[in-house]
PDB file of N, CA and C in Angstrom:
ATOM      1  N   MET A   1     -28.512  91.040  85.806  1.00  0.00           N
ATOM      2  CA  MET A   1     -27.236  91.662  85.426  1.00  0.00           C
ATOM      3  C   MET A   1     -26.230  91.730  86.457  1.00  0.00           C
ATOM      4  N   ALA A   2     -26.681  92.137  87.918  1.00  0.00           N
ATOM      5  CA  ALA A   2     -25.617  92.358  88.932  1.00  0.00           C
ATOM      6  C   ALA A   2     -25.312  90.827  89.115  1.00  0.00           C
ATOM      7  N   ALA A   3     -26.099  89.851  89.311  1.00  0.00           N
ATOM      8  CA  ALA A   3     -25.903  88.521  89.696  1.00  0.00           C
ATOM      9  C   ALA A   3     -24.673  88.125  88.600  1.00  0.00           C
ATOM     10  N   LYS A   4     -24.867  88.184  87.280  1.00  0.00           N
ATOM     11  CA  LYS A   4     -23.863  87.693  86.346  1.00  0.00           C
ATOM     12  C   LYS A   4     -22.539  88.439  86.744  1.00  0.00           C
ATOM     13  N   ALA A   5     -22.567  89.591  86.877  1.00  0.00           N
ATOM     14  CA  ALA A   5     -21.408  90.441  87.278  1.00  0.00           C
ATOM     15  C   ALA A   5     -20.903  89.843  88.523  1.00  0.00           C
ATOM     16  N   LYS A   6     -21.330  89.614  89.579  1.00  0.00           N
ATOM     17  CA  LYS A   6     -20.885  88.950  90.891  1.00  0.00           C
ATOM     18  C   LYS A   6     -20.352  87.481  90.387  1.00  0.00           C
ATOM     19  N   GLN A   7     -20.909  86.811  89.579  1.00  0.00           N
ATOM     20  CA  GLN A   7     -20.344  85.526  89.160  1.00  0.00           C
ATOM     21  C   GLN A   7     -19.034  85.562  88.571  1.00  0.00           C
ATOM     22  N   ASP A   8     -18.977  86.652  87.613  1.00  0.00           N
ATOM     23  CA  ASP A   8     -18.059  86.804  86.964  1.00  0.00           C
ATOM     24  C   ASP A   8     -16.705  87.376  87.832  1.00  0.00           C
ATOM     25  N   ALA A   9     -17.114  88.134  88.695  1.00  0.00           N
ATOM     26  CA  ALA A   9     -16.011  88.638  89.672  1.00  0.00           C
ATOM     27  C   ALA A   9     -15.373  87.599  90.486  1.00  0.00           C
ATOM     28  N   LEU A  10     -16.250  86.739  90.952  1.00  0.00           N
ATOM     29  CA  LEU A  10     -15.935  85.472  91.673  1.00  0.00           C
ATOM     30  C   LEU A  10     -14.867  84.504  90.739  1.00  0.00           C
ATOM     31  N   LYS A  11     -15.588  84.130  89.869  1.00  0.00           N
ATOM     32  CA  LYS A  11     -14.386  83.216  88.820  1.00  0.00           C
ATOM     33  C   LYS A  11     -13.017  83.840  88.546  1.00  0.00           C
ATOM     34  N   LYS A  12     -13.188  85.259  88.345  1.00  0.00           N
ATOM     35  CA  LYS A  12     -11.967  85.998  88.115  1.00  0.00           C
ATOM     36  C   LYS A  12     -11.110  85.859  89.431  1.00  0.00           C
ATOM     37  N   LEU A  13     -11.894  85.781  90.609  1.00  0.00           N
ATOM     38  CA  LEU A  13     -10.963  85.898  91.748  1.00  0.00           C
ATOM     39  C   LEU A  13     -10.288  84.403  92.009  1.00  0.00           C
ATOM     40  N   LYS A  14     -11.268  83.404  91.603  1.00  0.00           N
ATOM     41  CA  LYS A  14     -10.812  82.072  92.080  1.00  0.00           C
ATOM     42  C   LYS A  14      -9.750  81.528  90.829  1.00  0.00           C
ATOM     43  N   ALA A  15      -9.708  82.256  89.718  1.00  0.00           N
ATOM     44  CA  ALA A  15      -8.830  81.887  88.774  1.00  0.00           C
ATOM     45  C   ALA A  15      -7.258  82.609  88.983  1.00  0.00           C
ATOM     46  N   LYS A  16      -7.414  83.265  89.883  1.00  0.00           N
ATOM     47  CA  LYS A  16      -6.232  84.220  90.253  1.00  0.00           C
ATOM     48  C   LYS A  16      -5.033  83.248  91.160  1.00  0.00           C
ATOM     49  N   LYS A  17      -3.738  83.401  90.740  1.00  0.00           N
ATOM     50  CA  LYS A  17      -3.013  82.464  91.357  1.00  0.00           C
ATOM     51  C   LYS A  17      -2.689  82.885  92.788  1.00  0.00           C
ATOM     52  N   PRO A  18      -2.567  81.884  93.793  1.00  0.00           N
ATOM     53  CA  PRO A  18      -2.134  82.328  95.077  1.00  0.00           C
ATOM     54  C   PRO A  18      -0.997  82.729  95.240  1.00  0.00           C
ATOM     55  N   LEU A  19      -0.725  83.462  96.386  1.00  0.00           N
ATOM     56  CA  LEU A  19       0.596  84.394  96.487  1.00  0.00           C
ATOM     57  C   LEU A  19       1.686  83.385  96.927  1.00  0.00           C
ATOM     58  N   SER A  20       2.972  83.720  96.465  1.00  0.00           N
ATOM     59  CA  SER A  20       3.881  82.665  96.772  1.00  0.00           C
ATOM     60  C   SER A  20       4.423  82.846  98.172  1.00  0.00           C
ATOM     61  N   PRO A  21       4.891  82.021  98.831  1.00  0.00           N
ATOM     62  CA  PRO A  21       5.527  81.988 100.307  1.00  0.00           C
ATOM     63  C   PRO A  21       6.604  83.208 100.353  1.00  0.00           C
ATOM     64  N   GLU A  22       7.359  83.474  99.396  1.00  0.00           N
ATOM     65  CA  GLU A  22       8.355  84.332  99.427  1.00  0.00           C
ATOM     66  C   GLU A  22       7.664  85.791  99.629  1.00  0.00           C
ATOM     67  N   VAL A  23       6.649  85.980  98.696  1.00  0.00           N
ATOM     68  CA  VAL A  23       5.876  87.249  98.777  1.00  0.00           C
ATOM     69  C   VAL A  23       5.179  87.570 100.140  1.00  0.00           C
ATOM     70  N   LEU A  24       4.734  86.470 100.733  1.00  0.00           N
ATOM     71  CA  LEU A  24       3.909  86.453 102.060  1.00  0.00           C
ATOM     72  C   LEU A  24       5.005  86.671 103.083  1.00  0.00           C
ATOM     73  N   ALA A  25       6.103  86.296 102.903  1.00  0.00           N
ATOM     74  CA  ALA A  25       7.291  86.489 104.110  1.00  0.00           C
ATOM     75  C   ALA A  25       7.428  87.895 103.986  1.00  0.00           C
ATOM     76  N   GLU A  26       7.665  88.258 102.751  1.00  0.00           N
ATOM     77  CA  GLU A  26       8.391  89.827 102.662  1.00  0.00           C
ATOM     78  C   GLU A  26       7.057  90.725 102.916  1.00  0.00           C
ATOM     79  N   ARG A  27       5.905  90.267 102.900  1.00  0.00           N
ATOM     80  CA  ARG A  27       4.769  91.376 103.389  1.00  0.00           C
ATOM     81  C   ARG A  27       4.828  91.313 104.849  1.00  0.00           C
ATOM     82  N   LYS A  28       4.986  89.904 105.320  1.00  0.00           N
ATOM     83  CA  LYS A  28       4.857  90.091 107.187  1.00  0.00           C
ATOM     84  C   LYS A  28       6.125  90.624 107.400  1.00  0.00           C
ATOM     85  N   ALA A  29       7.205  90.485 106.936  1.00  0.00           N
ATOM     86  CA  ALA A  29       8.495  91.316 107.221  1.00  0.00           C
ATOM     87  C   ALA A  29       8.190  92.884 107.296  1.00  0.00           C
ATOM     88  N   ALA A  30       7.633  93.244 106.206  1.00  0.00           N
ATOM     89  CA  ALA A  30       7.485  94.829 105.995  1.00  0.00           C
ATOM     90  C   ALA A  30       6.563  95.225 106.914  1.00  0.00           C
ATOM     91  N   GLU A  31       5.468  94.284 107.424  1.00  0.00           N
ATOM     92  CA  GLU A  31       4.272  94.588 108.558  1.00  0.00           C
ATOM     93  C   GLU A  31       5.156  94.736 109.771  1.00  0.00           C
ATOM     94  N   LEU A  32       5.977  93.953 110.157  1.00  0.00           N
ATOM     95  CA  LEU A  32       6.812  94.064 111.494  1.00  0.00           C
ATOM     96  C   LEU A  32       7.707  95.042 111.611  1.00  0.00           C
ATOM     97  N   ALA A  33       8.440  95.582 110.291  1.00  0.00           N
ATOM     98  CA  ALA A  33       9.187  96.686 110.671  1.00  0.00           C
ATOM     99  C   ALA A  33       8.445  98.018 110.763  1.00  0.00           C
ATOM    100  N   ARG A  34       7.111  97.970 110.236  1.00  0.00           N
ATOM    101  CA  ARG A  34       6.106  99.245 110.580  1.00  0.00           C
ATOM    102  C   ARG A  34       5.684  99.109 111.823  1.00  0.00           C
ATOM    103  N   GLU A  35       5.393  97.912 112.401  1.00  0.00           N
ATOM    104  CA  GLU A  35       4.956  97.955 114.073  1.00  0.00           C
ATOM    105  C   GLU A  35       6.226  98.258 114.893  1.00  0.00           C
ATOM    106  N   GLN A  36       7.387  97.864 114.544  1.00  0.00           N
ATOM    107  CA  GLN A  36       8.556  98.426 115.360  1.00  0.00           C
ATOM    108  C   GLN A  36       8.815  99.857 115.239  1.00  0.00           C
ATOM    109  N   LYS A  37       8.951 100.498 113.975  1.00  0.00           N
ATOM    110  CA  LYS A  37       8.749 101.641 113.793  1.00  0.00           C
ATOM    111  C   LYS A  37       7.977 102.706 114.765  1.00  0.00           C
ATOM    112  N   GLN A  38       6.648 102.070 114.790  1.00  0.00           N
ATOM    113  CA  GLN A  38       5.630 102.847 115.240  1.00  0.00           C
ATOM    114  C   GLN A  38       5.899 102.630 116.800  1.00  0.00           C
ATOM    115  N   ALA A  39       6.213 101.589 117.374  1.00  0.00           N
ATOM    116  CA  ALA A  39       6.495 101.478 118.956  1.00  0.00           C
ATOM    117  C   ALA A  39       7.531 101.840 119.168  1.00  0.00           C
ATOM    118  N   ALA A  40       8.694 102.300 118.260  1.00  0.00           N
ATOM    119  CA  ALA A  40       9.852 103.182 118.858  1.00  0.00           C
ATOM    120  C   ALA A  40       9.434 104.555 118.880  1.00  0.00           C
ATOM    121  N   ALA A  41       8.622 105.110 117.829  1.00  0.00           N
ATOM    122  CA  ALA A  41       8.056 106.395 117.974  1.00  0.00           C
ATOM    123  C   ALA A  41       7.085 106.600 118.975  1.00  0.00           C
ATOM    124  N   SER A  42       6.272 105.780 119.259  1.00  0.00           N
ATOM    125  CA  SER A  42       5.432 105.918 120.635  1.00  0.00           C
ATOM    126  C   SER A  42       6.288 105.894 121.764  1.00  0.00           C
ATOM    127  N   ALA A  43       7.345 105.187 122.067  1.00  0.00           N
ATOM    128  CA  ALA A  43       8.142 105.064 123.104  1.00  0.00           C
ATOM    129  C   ALA A  43       8.810 106.264 123.238  1.00  0.00           C
ATOM    130  N   GLU A  44       9.429 106.810 122.018  1.00  0.00           N
ATOM    131  CA  GLU A  44      10.111 108.047 122.126  1.00  0.00           C
ATOM    132  C   GLU A  44       9.156 109.033 122.602  1.00  0.00           C
ATOM    133  N   LYS A  45       7.960 109.233 122.153  1.00  0.00           N
ATOM    134  CA  LYS A  45       6.957 110.285 122.451  1.00  0.00           C
ATOM    135  C   LYS A  45       6.548 110.321 123.826  1.00  0.00           C
ATOM    136  N   ARG A  46       6.290 108.993 124.456  1.00  0.00           N
ATOM    137  CA  ARG A  46       6.093 108.911 125.831  1.00  0.00           C
ATOM    138  C   ARG A  46       7.134 109.522 126.689  1.00  0.00           C
ATOM    139  N   ALA A  47       8.673 109.107 126.339  1.00  0.00           N
ATOM    140  CA  ALA A  47       9.792 109.439 127.178  1.00  0.00           C
ATOM    141  C   ALA A  47       9.825 111.066 127.218  1.00  0.00           C
ATOM    142  N   ALA A  48       9.568 111.744 126.146  1.00  0.00           N
ATOM    143  CA  ALA A  48       9.403 113.031 125.914  1.00  0.00           C
ATOM    144  C   ALA A  48       8.361 113.585 126.915  1.00  0.00           C
ATOM    145  N   PHE A  49       7.093 113.258 126.769  1.00  0.00           N
ATOM    146  CA  PHE A  49       6.139 113.727 127.582  1.00  0.00           C
ATOM    147  C   PHE A  49       6.616 113.463 129.218  1.00  0.00           C
ATOM    148  N   GLU A  50       7.428 112.118 129.654  1.00  0.00           N
ATOM    149  CA  GLU A  50       7.514 112.061 130.867  1.00  0.00           C
ATOM    150  C   GLU A  50       8.850 113.117 131.302  1.00  0.00           C
ATOM    151  N   GLN A  51       9.552 113.392 130.396  1.00  0.00           N
ATOM    152  CA  GLN A  51      10.580 114.434 130.535  1.00  0.00           C
ATOM    153  C   GLN A  51      10.002 115.700 130.855  1.00  0.00           C
ATOM    154  N   GLN A  52       8.899 116.208 130.080  1.00  0.00           N
ATOM    155  CA  GLN A  52       8.365 117.277 130.246  1.00  0.00           C
ATOM    156  C   GLN A  52       7.720 117.616 131.459  1.00  0.00           C
ATOM    157  N   LYS A  53       7.143 116.319 131.770  1.00  0.00           N
ATOM    158  CA  LYS A  53       6.375 116.272 133.282  1.00  0.00           C
ATOM    159  C   LYS A  53       7.537 116.447 134.620  1.00  0.00           C
ATOM    160  N   ALA A  54       8.465 115.803 134.402  1.00  0.00           N
ATOM    161  CA  ALA A  54       9.538 115.870 135.416  1.00  0.00           C
ATOM    162  C   ALA A  54      10.099 117.252 135.371  1.00  0.00           C
ATOM    163  N   ASP A  55      10.155 117.899 134.334  1.00  0.00           N
ATOM    164  CA  ASP A  55      10.936 119.478 134.211  1.00  0.00           C
ATOM    165  C   ASP A  55       9.795 120.230 134.787  1.00  0.00           C
ATOM    166  N   ARG A  56       8.444 119.869 134.329  1.00  0.00           N
ATOM    167  CA  ARG A  56       7.396 120.986 135.023  1.00  0.00           C
ATOM    168  C   ARG A  56       7.440 120.773 136.602  1.00  0.00           C
ATOM    169  N   LYS A  57       7.602 119.544 137.064  1.00  0.00           N
ATOM    170  CA  LYS A  57       7.492 119.224 138.506  1.00  0.00           C
ATOM    171  C   LYS A  57       8.702 120.016 139.327  1.00  0.00           C
ATOM    172  N   ALA A  58       9.888 119.800 138.563  1.00  0.00           N
ATOM    173  CA  ALA A  58      11.012 120.553 139.082  1.00  0.00           C
ATOM    174  C   ALA A  58      10.983 121.845 139.194  1.00  0.00           C
ATOM    175  N   ALA A  59      10.399 122.511 138.106  1.00  0.00           N
ATOM    176  CA  ALA A  59      10.092 124.069 138.059  1.00  0.00           C
ATOM    177  C   ALA A  59       9.155 124.485 138.803  1.00  0.00           C
ATOM    178  N   LYS A  60       8.203 123.661 139.219  1.00  0.00           N
ATOM    179  CA  LYS A  60       7.231 124.054 140.309  1.00  0.00           C
ATOM    180  C   LYS A  60       7.702 124.040 141.652  1.00  0.00           C
ATOM    181  N   GLU A  61       8.608 123.123 141.818  1.00  0.00           N
ATOM    182  CA  GLU A  61       9.261 122.945 143.199  1.00  0.00           C
ATOM    183  C   GLU A  61      10.412 124.048 143.589  1.00  0.00           C
ATOM    184  N   LYS A  62      10.971 124.694 142.346  1.00  0.00           N
ATOM    185  CA  LYS A  62      11.910 125.469 142.276  1.00  0.00           C
ATOM    186  C   LYS A  62      10.963 127.106 142.472  1.00  0.00           C
ATOM    187  N   ALA A  63      10.113 127.096 141.866  1.00  0.00           N
ATOM    188  CA  ALA A  63       9.288 128.396 141.979  1.00  0.00           C
ATOM    189  C   ALA A  63       8.455 128.472 143.325  1.00  0.00           C
ATOM    190  N   LYS A  64       8.530 127.598 144.075  1.00  0.00           N
ATOM    191  CA  LYS A  64       7.781 127.666 145.453  1.00  0.00           C
ATOM    192  C   LYS A  64       8.255 128.690 146.039  1.00  0.00           C
ATOM    193  N   PRO A  65       7.430 129.509 146.909  1.00  0.00           N
ATOM    194  CA  PRO A  65       7.825 130.639 147.584  1.00  0.00           C
ATOM    195  C   PRO A  65       8.632 130.417 148.541  1.00  0.00           C
ATOM    196  N   LYS A  66       9.782 130.941 148.992  1.00  0.00           N
ATOM    197  CA  LYS A  66      10.648 130.559 149.974  1.00  0.00           C
ATOM    198  C   LYS A  66      10.134 131.100 151.248  1.00  0.00           C
ATOM    199  N   LEU A  67      10.503 130.810 152.274  1.00  0.00           N
ATOM    200  CA  LEU A  67       9.917 131.258 153.636  1.00  0.00           C
ATOM    201  C   LEU A  67      10.682 132.875 153.605  1.00  0.00           C
ATOM    202  N   ALA A  68       9.805 133.739 153.870  1.00  0.00           N
ATOM    203  CA  ALA A  68      10.271 135.167 154.073  1.00  0.00           C
ATOM    204  C   ALA A  68      11.167 135.359 155.260  1.00  0.00           C
ATOM    205  N   LEU A  69      11.353 134.573 156.176  1.00  0.00           N
ATOM    206  CA  LEU A  69      12.080 134.659 157.123  1.00  0.00           C
ATOM    207  C   LEU A  69      13.463 134.564 156.566  1.00  0.00           C
ATOM    208  N   GLY A  70      14.576 135.432 157.163  1.00  0.00           N
ATOM    209  CA  GLY A  70      15.893 135.437 156.829  1.00  0.00           C
ATOM    210  C   GLY A  70      16.488 135.424 155.551  1.00  0.00           C
ATOM    211  N   LEU A  71      15.296 136.220 154.504  1.00  0.00           N
ATOM    212  CA  LEU A  71      15.894 136.544 153.207  1.00  0.00           C
ATOM    213  C   LEU A  71      15.745 137.975 153.081  1.00  0.00           C
ATOM    214  N   THR A  72      17.072 138.336 152.398  1.00  0.00           N
ATOM    215  CA  THR A  72      17.420 139.767 151.918  1.00  0.00           C
ATOM    216  C   THR A  72      16.446 140.147 151.073  1.00  0.00           C
ATOM    217  N   GLU A  73      16.518 141.468 150.751  1.00  0.00           N
ATOM    218  CA  GLU A  73      15.795 141.883 149.793  1.00  0.00           C
ATOM    219  C   GLU A  73      16.178 141.485 148.444  1.00  0.00           C
ATOM    220  N   THR A  74      17.166 141.421 148.100  1.00  0.00           N
ATOM    221  CA  THR A  74      17.658 140.723 146.805  1.00  0.00           C
ATOM    222  C   THR A  74      17.166 139.449 146.386  1.00  0.00           C
ATOM    223  N   GLU A  75      17.215 138.711 147.662  1.00  0.00           N
ATOM    224  CA  GLU A  75      16.904 137.243 147.672  1.00  0.00           C
ATOM    225  C   GLU A  75      15.342 137.291 147.380  1.00  0.00           C
ATOM    226  N   LYS A  76      14.380 138.033 147.863  1.00  0.00           N
ATOM    227  CA  LYS A  76      13.033 138.041 147.595  1.00  0.00           C
ATOM    228  C   LYS A  76      12.692 138.631 146.480  1.00  0.00           C
ATOM    229  N   LYS A  77      13.369 139.544 145.863  1.00  0.00           N
ATOM    230  CA  LYS A  77      13.243 140.101 144.436  1.00  0.00           C
ATOM    231  C   LYS A  77      13.857 138.817 143.369  1.00  0.00           C
ATOM    232  N   ALA A  78      14.751 138.034 143.753  1.00  0.00           N
ATOM    233  CA  ALA A  78      15.069 137.098 142.706  1.00  0.00           C
ATOM    234  C   ALA A  78      14.137 135.847 142.900  1.00  0.00           C
ATOM    235  N   ALA A  79      13.682 135.600 143.718  1.00  0.00           N
ATOM    236  CA  ALA A  79      12.448 134.872 144.029  1.00  0.00           C
ATOM    237  C   ALA A  79      11.121 135.225 143.377  1.00  0.00           C
ATOM    238  N   ARG A  80      10.809 136.373 143.527  1.00  0.00           N
ATOM    239  CA  ARG A  80       9.827 136.982 142.697  1.00  0.00           C
ATOM    240  C   ARG A  80       9.830 136.851 141.393  1.00  0.00           C
ATOM    241  N   ASP A  81      10.945 137.374 140.818  1.00  0.00           N
ATOM    242  CA  ASP A  81      11.573 137.262 139.481  1.00  0.00           C
ATOM    243  C   ASP A  81      11.161 136.027 138.960  1.00  0.00           C
ATOM    244  N   GLU A  82      11.703 134.615 139.670  1.00  0.00           N
ATOM    245  CA  GLU A  82      11.592 133.610 139.121  1.00  0.00           C
ATOM    246  C   GLU A  82      10.170 133.170 139.015  1.00  0.00           C
ATOM    247  N   ARG A  83       9.546 133.425 139.982  1.00  0.00           N
ATOM    248  CA  ARG A  83       8.006 133.234 139.839  1.00  0.00           C
ATOM    249  C   ARG A  83       7.205 133.840 138.550  1.00  0.00           C
ATOM    250  N   TYR A  84       7.605 134.978 138.275  1.00  0.00           N
ATOM    251  CA  TYR A  84       7.202 135.742 137.388  1.00  0.00           C
ATOM    252  C   TYR A  84       7.704 134.979 135.800  1.00  0.00           C
ATOM    253  N   ALA A  85       8.833 134.962 135.862  1.00  0.00           N
ATOM    254  CA  ALA A  85       9.217 134.098 134.619  1.00  0.00           C
ATOM    255  C   ALA A  85       8.408 132.752 134.181  1.00  0.00           C
ATOM    256  N   ALA A  86       8.521 131.974 135.520  1.00  0.00           N
ATOM    257  CA  ALA A  86       7.679 130.736 135.446  1.00  0.00           C
ATOM    258  C   ALA A  86       6.321 131.161 134.826  1.00  0.00           C
ATOM    259  N   ARG A  87       5.587 131.812 135.438  1.00  0.00           N
ATOM    260  CA  ARG A  87       4.105 132.241 134.888  1.00  0.00           C
ATOM    261  C   ARG A  87       4.073 132.567 133.708  1.00  0.00           C
ATOM    262  N   LYS A  88       4.956 133.495 133.182  1.00  0.00           N
ATOM    263  CA  LYS A  88       5.105 134.039 131.922  1.00  0.00           C
ATOM    264  C   LYS A  88       5.304 132.678 130.816  1.00  0.00           C
ATOM    265  N   LYS A  89       6.142 131.832 131.023  1.00  0.00           N
ATOM    266  CA  LYS A  89       6.637 130.780 130.679  1.00  0.00           C
ATOM    267  C   LYS A  89       5.318 129.733 130.328  1.00  0.00           C
ATOM    268  N   ARG A  90       4.510 129.767 131.403  1.00  0.00           N
ATOM    269  CA  ARG A  90       3.350 128.882 131.305  1.00  0.00           C
ATOM    270  C   ARG A  90       2.436 129.278 130.481  1.00  0.00           C
ATOM    271  N   ARG A  91       2.220 130.764 130.383  1.00  0.00           N
ATOM    272  CA  ARG A  91       1.261 131.274 129.554  1.00  0.00           C
ATOM    273  C   ARG A  91       1.441 131.303 127.829  1.00  0.00           C
ATOM    274  N   LYS A  92       2.653 131.088 127.705  1.00  0.00           N
ATOM    275  CA  LYS A  92       2.830 130.840 126.276  1.00  0.00           C
ATOM    276  C   LYS A  92       2.556 129.767 125.483  1.00  0.00           C
TER     277      LYS A  92
END
């Protein structure tokens, strides 16, 4: 029973007309368009990640404690507030 069904399916498949070159070209073009779209999205995502990485590095450098020598009380308070805001932002 299964062998007969298999033979029937093979006959049906062989009887099918081959795809025309136009259809094949159209499918290939669609595939290339999809790949280009995916590559663009990937590049955009990677660029966004690199930008975030650079922003974090810059924020880390900015938040480094300044030398206590020569700073006024207001400068010390501003530096402390910056560090606090950066820490609060990281926890979100």
